[in-house]
Structure formats: C-alpha cells, structure tokens
Protein backbone atom coordinates (compact mmCIF):
# COMPACT_ATOMS: atom_id res chain seq x y z
CA MET A 1 0.04 -0.01 -0.17
CA THR A 2 2.02 2.72 1.11
CA ASP A 3 5.09 3.67 3.68
CA GLY A 4 4.79 5.33 6.90
CA PHE A 5 5.26 8.96 5.09
CA GLY A 6 2.55 8.17 3.04
CA THR A 7 1.72 9.00 -0.84
CA ILE A 8 0.88 12.93 -0.46
CA THR A 9 2.53 15.43 1.40
CA TRP A 10 0.09 16.79 3.70
CA TRP A 11 3.16 18.63 5.46
CA GLY A 12 6.37 19.33 4.75
CA PHE A 13 9.15 17.39 6.35
CA SER A 14 11.57 20.44 7.52
CA PRO A 15 11.20 23.97 9.58
CA ALA A 16 9.52 26.68 7.94
CA LEU A 17 11.93 29.32 5.45
CA ASP A 18 12.15 33.05 5.11
CA LEU A 19 12.79 32.99 1.28
CA GLN A 20 13.99 36.60 1.50
CA ASP A 21 16.25 35.79 4.47
CA LYS A 22 19.94 36.76 3.83
CA ASP A 23 20.98 33.55 5.24
CA VAL A 24 19.06 31.63 3.02
CA ILE A 25 19.83 33.77 0.13
CA SER A 26 23.31 35.00 0.38
CA ALA A 27 24.21 33.14 -2.97
CA LEU A 28 22.46 35.89 -4.64
CA LYS A 29 24.73 38.89 -3.56
CA GLY A 30 24.58 40.20 -6.71
CA LEU A 31 21.15 40.69 -6.85
CA ARG A 32 21.39 42.82 -3.51
CA LEU A 33 18.22 41.40 -2.31
CA ASP A 34 18.81 43.11 1.06
CA SER A 35 18.12 46.35 -0.09
CA ASP A 36 16.03 48.90 -1.59
CA ASP A 37 17.61 48.90 -5.02
CA GLY A 38 17.43 45.10 -5.75
CA PRO A 39 14.70 43.64 -8.45
CA ASP A 40 11.20 44.72 -8.29
CA GLU A 41 10.23 41.18 -8.27
CA LEU A 42 12.10 38.37 -6.23
CA ARG A 43 10.26 35.09 -8.03
CA ILE A 44 10.38 31.90 -6.41
CA LEU A 45 9.45 28.55 -7.23
CA LEU A 46 8.14 25.91 -5.06
CA VAL A 47 8.41 22.57 -6.14
CA GLY A 48 6.11 19.70 -3.79
CA ALA A 49 6.62 21.81 -0.85
CA GLY A 50 3.45 20.23 0.61
CA ASP A 51 1.79 23.04 2.50
CA MET A 52 2.11 26.80 2.88
CA ARG A 53 4.62 27.37 5.83
CA HIS A 54 7.96 28.63 3.61
CA LEU A 55 5.48 31.40 1.61
CA LEU A 56 3.27 32.66 4.64
CA THR A 57 6.53 33.05 6.41
CA THR A 58 8.38 34.90 3.60
CA VAL A 59 4.98 36.95 3.34
CA ALA A 60 5.00 37.52 7.01
CA ARG A 61 8.12 38.54 7.13
CA SER A 62 8.81 40.83 3.91
CA TYR A 63 8.70 43.97 5.81
CA ARG A 64 12.17 43.45 7.35
CA HIS A 65 13.80 43.57 3.93
CA GLY A 66 13.65 45.63 0.94
CA LYS A 67 10.58 46.88 -0.43
CA ARG A 68 9.55 44.43 -3.46
CA LYS A 69 6.72 42.24 -5.07
CA LEU A 70 6.90 38.58 -4.32
CA HIS A 71 5.83 35.96 -7.10
CA PHE A 72 5.17 32.52 -5.89
CA TYR A 73 5.06 29.70 -8.22
CA VAL A 74 3.91 26.50 -6.85
CA ILE A 75 4.06 22.95 -8.57
CA GLU A 76 2.95 19.78 -6.25
CA ASN A 77 1.68 16.36 -7.50
CA ASN A 78 -1.70 16.34 -5.96
CA LEU A 79 -4.59 19.14 -6.18
CA GLU A 80 -5.66 18.52 -2.95
CA LEU A 81 -2.78 20.55 -2.26
CA TYR A 82 -3.63 23.30 -3.80
CA ALA A 83 -7.49 23.32 -1.99
CA ARG A 84 -5.44 23.58 1.12
CA ASP A 85 -3.24 26.11 0.31
CA MET A 86 -5.95 28.23 -0.44
CA LEU A 87 -7.50 27.13 2.30
CA PHE A 88 -5.04 28.13 4.40
CA MET A 89 -4.19 31.41 3.14
CA THR A 90 -7.98 32.38 3.30
CA ILE A 91 -7.57 31.69 6.97
CA ALA A 92 -4.21 33.63 7.03
CA LEU A 93 -5.88 36.95 5.31
CA GLU A 94 -9.08 36.39 7.33
CA THR A 95 -10.05 40.11 8.70
CA GLN A 96 -10.63 41.51 12.32
CA LYS A 97 -13.98 41.85 11.82
CA ARG A 98 -14.94 37.96 10.91
CA MET A 99 -12.05 36.72 12.80
CA GLY A 100 -9.68 37.31 15.84
CA LEU A 101 -5.95 36.95 15.38
CA GLN A 102 -5.96 33.57 18.19
CA GLU A 103 -9.50 31.86 16.55
CA LYS A 104 -7.65 32.28 13.66
CA THR A 105 -4.72 30.67 15.29
CA GLU A 106 -6.43 27.91 16.64
CA LEU A 107 -8.62 27.07 13.41
CA PHE A 108 -5.41 27.48 11.22
CA LEU A 109 -3.58 24.63 13.19
CA GLU A 110 -6.45 22.75 13.58
CA LEU A 111 -7.49 21.95 9.97
CA PHE A 112 -3.73 21.62 9.70
CA GLY A 113 -2.51 18.60 11.26
CA ASN A 114 -5.77 16.78 12.82
CA ILE A 115 -7.84 14.39 11.41
CA LEU A 116 -10.79 14.77 13.53
CA VAL A 117 -11.69 18.82 14.64
CA ARG A 118 -13.91 20.31 16.30
CA LYS A 119 -17.67 21.36 14.73
CA GLN A 120 -16.63 24.76 14.33
CA SER A 121 -13.59 24.01 12.25
CA CYS A 122 -15.87 22.09 10.16
CA GLU A 123 -18.49 24.54 9.98
CA TYR A 124 -15.87 26.48 8.33
CA VAL A 125 -14.56 24.65 5.95
CA GLU A 126 -18.06 23.98 4.91
CA LYS A 127 -18.99 27.66 4.35
CA MET A 128 -15.43 28.31 2.63
CA ALA A 129 -15.40 25.37 0.19
CA THR A 130 -18.63 27.12 -1.26
CA GLU A 131 -17.29 30.49 -1.92
CA PHE A 132 -13.84 28.20 -3.35
CA ILE A 133 -16.32 26.59 -5.75
CA LYS A 134 -17.42 30.13 -6.90
CA MET A 135 -13.62 31.34 -7.62
CA VAL A 136 -12.18 28.44 -9.25
CA THR A 137 -15.14 28.58 -11.83
CA ASP A 138 -15.19 32.53 -12.06
CA PHE A 139 -12.06 33.67 -12.47
CA GLU A 140 -13.88 37.45 -12.36
CA TYR A 141 -14.84 36.49 -8.36
CA LEU A 142 -11.26 34.71 -7.74
CA GLU A 143 -9.46 38.38 -8.36
CA LYS A 144 -12.77 40.34 -6.11
CA LYS A 145 -12.22 37.78 -3.60
CA LEU A 146 -8.88 36.02 -3.18
CA PRO A 147 -6.60 38.06 -6.18
CA ILE A 148 -3.60 36.84 -4.43
CA PHE A 149 -3.51 33.31 -6.14
CA ASP A 150 -3.80 32.91 -9.81
CA LEU A 151 -4.93 29.58 -11.04
CA SER A 152 -5.14 30.64 -14.87
CA GLN A 153 -2.37 28.63 -15.14
CA LEU A 154 -4.14 25.10 -14.30
CA LYS A 155 -5.72 22.83 -16.86
CA TYR A 156 -9.36 22.68 -17.33
CA LYS A 157 -9.60 19.44 -15.97
CA GLU A 158 -7.27 20.20 -12.84
CA ARG A 159 -9.88 23.34 -12.62
CA ASP A 160 -13.12 20.59 -12.37
CA PHE A 161 -10.53 18.25 -10.27
CA LEU A 162 -10.75 20.78 -7.56
CA GLU A 163 -14.34 21.99 -8.04
CA SER A 164 -14.94 18.10 -6.79
CA ILE A 165 -12.87 18.41 -4.33
CA PHE A 166 -14.41 21.40 -2.88
CA LYS A 167 -17.47 20.18 -3.25
CA PHE A 168 -16.32 16.76 -1.29
CA TRP A 169 -15.84 19.43 1.41
CA ARG A 170 -19.05 20.01 2.09
CA VAL A 171 -20.20 16.78 2.66
CA SER A 172 -20.86 16.02 6.06
CA ASP A 173 -21.76 12.46 5.62
CA THR A 174 -18.91 10.20 7.42
CA LYS A 175 -19.70 7.17 5.43
CA PHE A 176 -17.53 8.81 2.74
CA PHE A 177 -14.74 9.37 5.16
CA ASP A 178 -14.90 7.94 8.41
CA ALA A 179 -11.35 9.18 9.82
CA GLU A 180 -11.00 7.11 12.94
CA LYS A 181 -10.99 4.11 10.81
CA VAL A 182 -8.77 5.23 8.06
CA TRP A 183 -6.44 6.19 10.60
CA ASP A 184 -6.13 3.30 12.37
CA LEU A 185 -6.56 1.02 8.71
CA ARG A 186 -3.07 3.00 7.80
CA LEU A 187 -1.22 1.76 11.66
CA ARG A 188 -2.48 -1.52 11.11
CA GLN A 189 -1.09 -1.36 7.87
CA LEU A 190 2.31 0.24 8.70
CA MET A 191 2.97 -2.28 12.20
CA GLY A 192 1.27 -5.50 10.77
CA ASN A 193 1.85 -7.87 13.71
CA ARG A 194 3.68 -5.33 16.03
CA TYR A 195 0.27 -3.15 15.86
CA ASP A 196 -0.63 -4.51 20.02
CA ASN A 197 2.80 -3.13 20.65
CA ARG A 198 2.55 0.52 19.24
CA LEU A 199 2.98 2.29 22.58
CA ASN A 200 6.57 1.05 22.51
CA ILE A 201 7.05 1.54 18.42
CA VAL A 202 5.94 5.59 18.94
CA ASP A 203 8.37 6.02 21.95
CA TRP A 204 10.98 4.37 20.27
CA ASP A 205 10.89 6.74 17.19
CA LEU A 206 10.17 9.47 19.48
CA ASN A 207 13.37 8.82 21.96
CA MET A 208 15.30 7.42 19.36
CA LYS A 209 15.02 9.11 16.17
CA LEU A 210 13.00 12.46 16.76
CA VAL A 211 15.26 13.61 19.70
CA TYR A 212 18.27 12.73 18.44
CA ARG A 213 17.44 14.70 14.95
CA ASP A 214 17.33 18.44 17.04
CA ALA A 215 13.42 17.63 17.57
CA ASP A 216 13.45 16.61 21.34
CA ILE A 217 11.18 19.54 21.93
CA ILE A 218 8.76 17.25 21.06
CA ASN A 219 6.55 16.14 24.03
CA SER A 220 5.77 12.53 24.41
CA ARG A 221 1.85 13.23 24.68
CA GLU A 222 1.21 15.62 22.21
CA TYR A 223 3.25 13.17 19.66
CA ARG A 224 1.63 9.60 21.07
CA LYS A 225 -1.83 11.48 20.39
CA TRP A 226 -1.23 12.25 17.42
CA ARG A 227 0.57 9.04 16.52
CA ASN A 228 -2.71 7.05 17.84
CA GLN A 229 -5.19 9.15 16.93
CA GLY A 230 -4.26 11.48 14.63
CA ILE A 231 -5.49 14.71 16.99
CA ALA A 232 -1.32 16.42 17.02
CA PHE A 233 -3.14 20.41 17.95
CA GLU A 234 -5.71 20.27 20.44
CA VAL A 235 -5.24 24.32 21.03
CA ARG A 236 -8.80 25.02 22.66
CA GLU A 237 -10.98 22.29 24.79
CA GLY A 238 -13.78 20.85 22.99
CA SER A 239 -14.79 17.66 21.14
CA TYR A 240 -12.69 17.06 18.28
CA ASP A 241 -14.69 14.34 16.69
CA ILE A 242 -15.82 15.35 13.18
CA PRO A 243 -13.56 14.02 10.19
CA ASN A 244 -11.38 16.65 8.62
CA ARG A 245 -12.08 16.40 5.08
CA THR A 246 -9.38 18.50 3.74
CA LEU A 247 -7.35 15.37 4.90
CA ALA A 248 -8.99 13.32 2.75
CA SER A 249 -7.43 12.07 -0.84
CA GLY A 250 -7.99 9.31 -3.77
CA MET A 251 -5.23 6.96 -4.17
CA VAL A 252 -5.32 3.96 -7.03
CA PHE A 253 -4.71 0.43 -6.22
CA LYS A 254 -4.27 -2.94 -8.72
CA HIS A 255 -5.93 -5.88 -7.44
CA GLU A 256 -6.47 -9.01 -10.09
CA GLY A 257 -5.09 -6.53 -13.01
CA GLU A 258 -7.93 -4.17 -12.04
CA ARG A 259 -7.86 -0.63 -11.29
CA HIS A 260 -9.86 0.23 -7.70
CA HIS A 261 -10.08 3.75 -6.82
CA ARG A 262 -10.11 4.40 -2.76
CA ARG A 263 -10.25 7.40 -0.60
CA GLY A 264 -8.86 7.68 2.39
CA TYR A 265 -5.44 9.40 4.72
CA TRP A 266 -2.68 8.82 2.47
CA GLY A 267 -0.63 11.46 4.23
CA ASP A 268 2.39 11.13 7.03
CA ILE A 269 1.68 8.91 10.04
CA LEU A 270 5.09 8.89 10.97
CA VAL A 271 7.17 12.40 11.61
CA SER A 272 3.98 14.50 12.30
CA PRO A 273 3.56 18.17 11.37
CA TYR A 274 5.10 19.31 14.76
CA VAL A 275 8.70 19.03 12.22
CA ALA A 276 7.04 21.57 9.95
CA LEU A 277 6.04 24.12 12.73
CA GLY A 278 6.63 23.64 15.85
CA ILE A 279 10.59 22.46 16.69
CA GLU A 280 11.75 26.47 15.74
CA CYS A 281 11.12 29.98 16.86
CA GLU A 282 12.36 33.03 16.81
CA ASP A 283 11.63 33.55 20.74
CA LYS A 284 14.29 31.52 22.66
CA SER A 285 12.21 31.54 25.69
CA PHE A 286 9.79 28.30 24.58
CA PHE A 287 13.60 26.33 25.08
CA LYS A 288 13.79 26.75 28.58
CA LYS A 289 14.10 23.81 30.48
CA SER A 290 13.45 22.96 34.36
CA ASN A 291 14.79 20.09 35.59
CA ASN A 292 16.26 19.07 32.50
CA VAL A 293 12.74 19.35 31.04
CA TYR A 294 11.01 21.65 28.93
CA MET A 295 8.51 23.74 29.87
CA LYS A 296 6.73 24.21 27.13
CA ALA A 297 5.85 21.57 23.93
CA SER A 298 5.94 21.85 20.37
CA GLN A 299 2.10 22.62 20.28
CA HIS A 300 3.21 25.99 22.43
CA ILE A 301 5.86 26.93 19.94
CA ALA A 302 3.08 26.12 16.82
CA GLU A 303 0.81 28.55 18.13
CA TYR A 304 3.12 31.09 19.21
CA ASN A 305 4.65 31.14 15.32
CA ILE A 306 1.13 30.91 13.79
CA LEU A 307 0.01 33.84 15.93
CA SER A 308 3.07 35.84 15.33
CA MET A 309 2.95 34.95 11.41
CA PHE A 310 -0.68 36.76 11.22
CA HIS A 311 0.27 39.32 13.06
CA GLU A 312 2.74 40.68 10.99
CA ILE A 313 0.76 39.90 7.81
CA ALA A 314 -1.85 42.42 9.31
CA THR A 315 0.46 44.87 10.66
CA GLN A 316 3.17 44.58 9.12
CA THR A 317 5.14 44.82 12.76
CA LYS A 318 6.98 42.06 14.86
CA TYR A 319 5.26 40.30 17.21
CA GLU A 320 5.33 41.19 20.71
CA PRO A 321 3.77 38.54 23.25
CA PRO A 322 2.28 40.24 26.47
CA LYS A 323 4.97 40.09 29.08
CA PRO A 324 3.57 39.41 32.56
CA GLN A 325 2.63 42.31 35.06
CA ASP A 326 4.66 42.61 38.13
CA ASP A 327 1.98 41.83 41.53
CA LYS A 328 2.21 45.60 42.36
CA SER A 329 0.61 45.35 45.32
CA GLU A 330 2.41 42.52 46.68
CA SER A 331 5.26 44.23 46.66
CA LYS A 332 3.74 47.34 48.50
CA ASP A 333 2.36 44.84 50.92
CA SER A 334 5.60 43.13 51.49
CA LYS A 335 6.99 46.76 52.52
CA ASP A 336 4.80 47.59 55.12
CA ASP A 337 5.20 46.36 58.67
CA GLY A 338 1.67 45.81 59.88
CA PRO A 339 -0.96 48.15 61.64
CA THR A 340 -0.18 51.18 63.88
CA ILE A 341 -2.31 51.69 67.12
CA THR A 342 -3.78 55.05 64.85
CA ASP A 343 -4.79 53.20 62.00
CA ILE A 344 -6.15 50.42 64.13
CA THR A 345 -7.97 53.59 66.19
CA GLU A 346 -9.19 55.36 62.86
CA GLU A 347 -11.00 52.31 61.27
CA THR A 348 -13.11 51.49 64.41
CA GLU A 349 -13.94 55.31 64.21
CA GLU A 350 -14.63 54.52 60.58
CA ASP A 351 -16.20 51.51 61.02
CA LEU A 352 -19.51 53.33 62.20
CA ASN A 353 -19.90 55.51 59.65
CA LYS A 354 -19.46 52.42 56.87
CA ASP A 355 -22.44 50.37 58.21
CA GLU A 356 -24.72 53.89 57.16
CA GLU A 357 -23.28 53.82 53.95
CA ALA A 358 -23.53 49.94 53.55
CA LYS A 359 -27.10 50.18 53.73
CA GLU A 360 -27.79 53.02 50.97
CA THR A 361 -25.16 51.28 48.81
CA ALA A 362 -27.33 48.05 48.99
CA GLU A 363 -30.51 49.72 48.30
CA GLU A 364 -28.46 51.64 45.17
CA THR A 365 -27.37 48.40 43.95
CA LEU A 366 -30.47 46.57 44.03
CA LYS A 367 -32.81 49.64 42.62
CA LYS A 368 -29.92 49.52 39.55
CA LEU A 369 -30.11 45.91 39.22
CA GLU A 370 -33.67 45.80 38.42
CA GLU A 371 -33.31 48.57 36.03
CA GLU A 372 -30.86 46.57 34.03
CA ALA A 373 -33.12 43.58 34.21
CA ASP A 374 -36.06 45.95 32.38
CA ALA A 375 -33.37 46.49 29.83
CA ASP A 376 -32.24 43.04 29.33
CA ALA A 377 -36.18 42.62 28.69
CA GLU A 378 -36.35 45.00 26.03
CA GLU A 379 -33.64 44.12 24.42
CA GLN A 380 -34.29 40.58 24.05
CA ALA A 381 -37.66 41.71 22.60
CA ARG A 382 -36.14 44.08 19.88
CA LYS A 383 -33.66 41.02 18.98
CA GLN A 384 -36.70 38.87 18.65
CA GLN A 385 -38.76 41.50 16.79
CA ARG A 386 -35.45 41.20 14.51
CA GLY A 387 -35.18 38.16 14.48
CA PRO A 388 -31.69 35.46 14.50
CA GLU A 389 -28.19 37.27 14.73
CA VAL A 390 -26.16 36.99 11.46
CA SER A 391 -22.71 35.28 12.51
CA THR A 392 -19.66 36.77 11.84
CA LEU A 393 -18.55 33.83 9.14
CA ASP A 394 -22.26 34.54 7.60
CA GLN A 395 -20.76 37.87 6.88
CA GLU A 396 -19.44 38.22 3.39
CA TYR A 397 -15.62 37.27 3.36
CA GLU A 398 -12.89 39.91 2.36
CA ALA A 399 -9.41 39.20 2.57
CA LEU A 400 -6.71 41.63 4.28
CA SER A 401 -4.92 43.68 1.23
CA VAL A 402 -1.52 41.95 0.59
CA ASP A 403 0.44 44.22 -1.95
CA GLY A 404 2.86 43.02 -3.99
CA VAL A 405 2.28 39.45 -3.49
CA LYS A 406 0.96 36.82 -6.15
CA VAL A 407 0.69 33.10 -5.97
CA THR A 408 0.39 30.75 -9.45
CA PHE A 409 -0.60 27.66 -9.16
CA LEU A 410 1.39 25.45 -11.98
CA PRO A 411 -0.35 21.81 -13.43
CA ILE A 412 0.48 19.21 -11.30
CA SER A 413 3.75 17.29 -12.54
CA SER A 414 5.13 20.34 -15.15
CA LEU A 415 8.19 20.76 -13.86
CA THR A 416 9.98 19.28 -16.86
CA GLU A 417 7.74 20.89 -18.90
CA LEU A 418 8.58 24.75 -18.05
CA SER A 419 12.15 24.67 -19.79
CA LYS A 420 10.48 24.53 -23.11
CA LYS A 421 8.16 27.35 -22.96
CA SER A 422 9.78 30.97 -23.10
CA LYS A 423 7.78 32.89 -20.75
CA TYR A 424 9.54 30.54 -17.86
CA LYS A 425 12.97 31.10 -19.37
CA ASN A 426 15.57 32.69 -17.21
CA LEU A 427 12.83 33.25 -14.62
CA PHE A 428 13.30 32.23 -11.12
CA HIS A 429 15.73 33.82 -8.44
CA VAL A 430 14.55 31.28 -5.45
CA ILE A 431 14.02 27.78 -6.79
CA TYR A 432 12.78 25.22 -3.82
CA PHE A 433 12.70 21.32 -4.21
CA ALA A 434 11.15 19.32 -1.31
CA ASN A 435 13.01 15.64 -0.55
CA SER A 436 10.25 13.85 -2.62
CA LEU A 437 10.61 15.71 -5.67
CA VAL A 438 14.25 16.27 -5.62
CA HIS A 439 15.06 13.66 -8.24
CA LEU A 440 13.14 16.12 -10.65
CA LEU A 441 15.97 18.28 -11.27
CA LYS A 442 17.85 17.28 -13.82
CA GLU A 443 19.98 19.86 -16.25
CA ASP A 444 17.72 20.04 -18.59
CA ILE A 445 15.92 22.53 -15.90
CA SER A 446 18.13 25.07 -15.21
CA PRO A 447 16.98 27.20 -18.57
CA VAL A 448 14.19 28.54 -15.85
CA PHE A 449 16.76 29.39 -13.76
CA ALA A 450 17.18 33.69 -13.36
CA ASP A 451 20.85 34.65 -14.21
CA GLN A 452 21.83 34.52 -10.48
CA ALA A 453 19.25 32.33 -8.51
CA THR A 454 19.48 30.00 -5.41
CA LEU A 455 19.04 26.54 -4.92
CA ILE A 456 17.76 25.27 -2.19
CA LEU A 457 17.17 21.41 -0.94
CA GLU A 458 15.20 19.79 1.65
CA SER A 459 17.19 17.47 3.25
CA ALA A 460 16.01 13.85 4.75
CA ARG A 461 17.22 14.66 8.16
CA TYR A 462 13.43 13.87 9.40
CA MET A 463 12.44 10.76 7.24
CA LEU A 464 12.74 8.59 10.07
CA GLU A 465 12.40 5.17 8.32
CA LEU A 466 15.94 6.47 6.88
CA LYS A 467 18.80 5.63 9.40
CA THR A 468 21.87 8.14 10.02
CA ASP A 469 24.03 6.90 6.97
CA GLN A 470 21.46 6.32 4.62
CA VAL A 471 20.49 10.08 5.64
CA ALA A 472 23.51 11.03 4.86
CA GLU A 473 24.04 9.31 1.61
CA PHE A 474 21.04 11.04 0.54
CA GLY A 475 22.63 14.23 1.06
CA LYS A 476 25.84 13.44 -0.91
CA THR A 477 23.42 12.45 -3.84
CA VAL A 478 21.43 15.51 -4.09
CA THR A 479 24.72 17.03 -3.79
CA THR A 480 25.42 15.80 -7.01
CA ILE A 481 22.31 16.11 -8.52
CA ALA A 482 22.55 19.78 -7.71
CA THR A 483 26.11 19.56 -8.81
CA ASP A 484 25.38 18.07 -12.38
CA ALA A 485 22.50 20.86 -13.29
CA GLY A 486 24.95 23.59 -12.67
CA CYS A 487 24.96 24.59 -9.59
CA GLU A 488 27.49 25.01 -6.79
CA ALA A 489 27.34 24.41 -3.10
CA PHE A 490 27.52 27.33 -0.98
CA GLY A 491 28.83 27.03 2.49
CA THR A 492 29.86 23.55 3.76
CA SER A 493 27.06 21.39 4.80
CA ASP A 494 26.62 18.32 7.60
CA PHE A 495 25.42 15.71 5.16
CA GLU A 496 23.97 13.88 8.28
CA LYS A 497 22.75 17.11 10.58
CA ALA A 498 21.62 19.48 7.49
CA LYS A 499 18.13 20.78 7.07
CA PHE A 500 18.43 22.00 3.98
CA PHE A 501 21.28 22.02 1.22
CA LYS A 502 21.96 25.32 -0.38
CA PHE A 503 23.37 26.06 -3.81
CA SER A 504 24.52 29.13 -6.48
CA TYR A 505 24.05 29.09 -9.54
CA ASN A 506 25.44 31.40 -12.22
CA ARG A 507 24.76 31.14 -15.76
CA LYS A 508 27.48 31.45 -17.69
CA SER A 509 27.99 33.64 -20.38
CA SER A 510 28.15 32.60 -24.09
C-alpha cells in the first residue's frame, strides 16, 4: 500500500524558511536582495513543498527586507494540496471583523494537523468550500475575493477536479470519509503484527529518532496522541470528533489486474506536523528547561509561530507577546511593617460610618439591578422582533490586502515542461525542492533559473525510516544532482545534520 510517509505530503518535513532571509539567499549577493535597489520582483518556485509554511513565513516577514514584489509559483503532485493552500491562505487573510488573531491561529493549526476537528472548524470549511467553488469557476470572482491567487495556468480538467474536491468538503456524511477508521487502517498496515505494541514503537520513534534529530522539544504526550489518534493540536478544549475532510485524498490500487480507486488518509503517520511548525522559533524562551525538562511543548511553539505570522501579515510589525504584569499590590504590602495603633483607632471610628453607607449602597445596587433587568428584557424583545442574529462567519468574506504578492498554481507535475516554454526561461531567482521531488532536478531544468539564482533542497533529516548513514547518503546524492544541474554548493553542509542544502547558480555567458 504505502509507507509511513504516505503518498501525499500534507505537511513538509522541515521547518519553515523566510526565503528572503540573507542566510537563505546569501548566494544572490549580486542581486542585492537586502537593499531597496534590488530586483523589483522576486520570483520563487516551490516544488513539492506540501504546505504554505515557507510562503506564509516569507510574506509575513517581507517588511523586514527591501521593498519588492513577491511572485510565488507552486508545483505539487496532488490537487488536494492546492485546495488546502487556498484554505490556509484564506484563514491567514481573515479580517479582524470576522475572526480574531487567536481564533485564526487555532483554526489554522486544527485543520493543518488534525484528522479530527471540532464542529466549528468543520462548519468553516463547509462555508468556505462554497466560496472556493465560485472562485475556481469564475476568475472574476477570484480576483474580487482572493486576488493573491492566480489559477489561470491550471488545465481545465484540473480546475474541474478542484471543484469536485471543494464539493466533497461540503459533504457531512462520515461514511464517505471515516477518519478514525482510515487512520487505524494505516497504523495496522504500517505496523503489521507489531500493532498491539504500538505504544512502544511510538516511544522508540520519538526517543531514539526525533530526539536525536534536534526535535526533542516534541512532547511525548502530544506525539503519542497524534500517532495513535491523528490529533496533533488541541489548542482549545472541545470535542474533536468531526472528520477533517481536507486531509482526504484518493489513491488507485491494483488488484487482480484491475484498478480500484479508494478515498482515505494517505499522508504522513510517522513524522508529525510538529516538524514543519513546532520545533524552531524566534523566541528562544520557549526552549527553557526546568530539571532538564522543557517547560513548553511543540504545540506551544507552533501556536506562537502561526500567531506571530498572522500578526505580521496584518500589521507589518513584529509580534511582541504580552509580558506578565508584576503584582504591585503584593510588593507594596511586603514593604509595610503592619498596622499601627493610630491605624486601628481610625478604622474603628470609620466602621460606624461605613455601616450606614453600606445600607444606602445596597438599596442603590438593588434598584440598579432592577433597571438593568428591565433593560435586558426590552433588548431581548427587540431581538425577537429583528429575528436571529447573523454569525460573523455568515458575513461576506473579505481578505486582508497584501500588496505586491502573487501565488500562481502551475499544473501538477509540470516541472519538466517549464523549460520548453519561453515565458519561464531565466525566470526564477529562488528555487526550492522538497526531498520527495528532488529527483526531478536535472540539467534540462536549469533554463528556468535566473542568471543568478539560489537553489534550496530539503534534506532527509526528518525521514524517520532512514538511518543516519542513509540520511547522509541522501545529502551526498542530492548534492551531486545539483552540481550536475550547474549549481555550486554554498558553504559547507553536514550531510547528516543539515535541514537544507543551499546552492548558487550563475549562468555562464555564451
């Protein structure tokens, strides 16, 4: 059937990158991307990233760099990933009028990494699915509602398939996608006769693999919950019992010479979404320890990362978490040596007057409560006359304005065709390959690279089914692939420990 990584990359197997960061694109010194007189538009090709983590991080932090337009081109091998990209961008661009910052963060994480979600999250997906159907079938409506996306490069049949995906998101009957059943099916297929000892297997994968690959912030409790139940983020108390249909995809099996299509969960059940969002953070206080144990968990880091990202997109300022206030009253009391005789005498004389004042205050309070009760009754009567209130999510969707950013979806698995089209020649300044599609990087792809470009390849560090020597061998192999494509390694990389491999490309003048 499939291994623990699955056949569809619902989330990436590396932390998020700011693709304008000078440490990431330092190979592009000639373009002076860190200055305002750099290129007017930075064009980035993302191949198989699996999610929006690099894209959203780059957009959120764009104000930290020289002012320029950003144009992302996305290639995946499954249309379900394009559908999810539209969903998560929609959440990221929700306005304060419809959804607060914390609510957006919780919704994003829940739909990102949980196969079971709360009812409220499911309702959001169903409502937005109707909007997405209008967008993929009417480009004028797309330009009006979500102008950041360009779907014009997709084939007609791909847009039709996207429409069918969104229609499936609106189907509430669990018989079409029994999340608990399909998750358990994958576990049984992966573990075989070791299924009854799955808790020991999970502990081994965490403590003997993830911990030694710089992911020890992942808490054993949260990792076990995700491995056994498919629930990674419980940022709010509630019932997580509704299937997350955005994690459903189809797969074709061959049985006795016949092809059978089956819908299920065919993504990762081994690494976890924590690697993509919850093992690195700008705020290093999340990594504090007490008695050699982390005080925070991966979920807290993921929540902070997404919340700060949404804040930066909306305000173009860095997020500063609220600091705990000092208890001034407690510190003031600690300076007092206790009451004096004069204080006690004054309090005794004042008590007599306070009794009289208390009676008058009680009468006034009672009268005020009666007036408020009458006012509430009148307000309820007015509400009944007006009819039921409109939910904030029933309000018309309006996206936050993100000037100078465009996201173009290219046809699935179309990388090898790009170099044959003149409009893509010498186009991309930054090219990113996920480890699952790096085999597509060949010499005949280089015509789409700009004259000076940076190539970033995701390593296999978090592919847990690979041993450390296999991870190092993967690094050597992709380095050879990049070199054969005309790129040069930038800096030195530890093939076993590196999360990414970076290369520079300089086209030789003919």
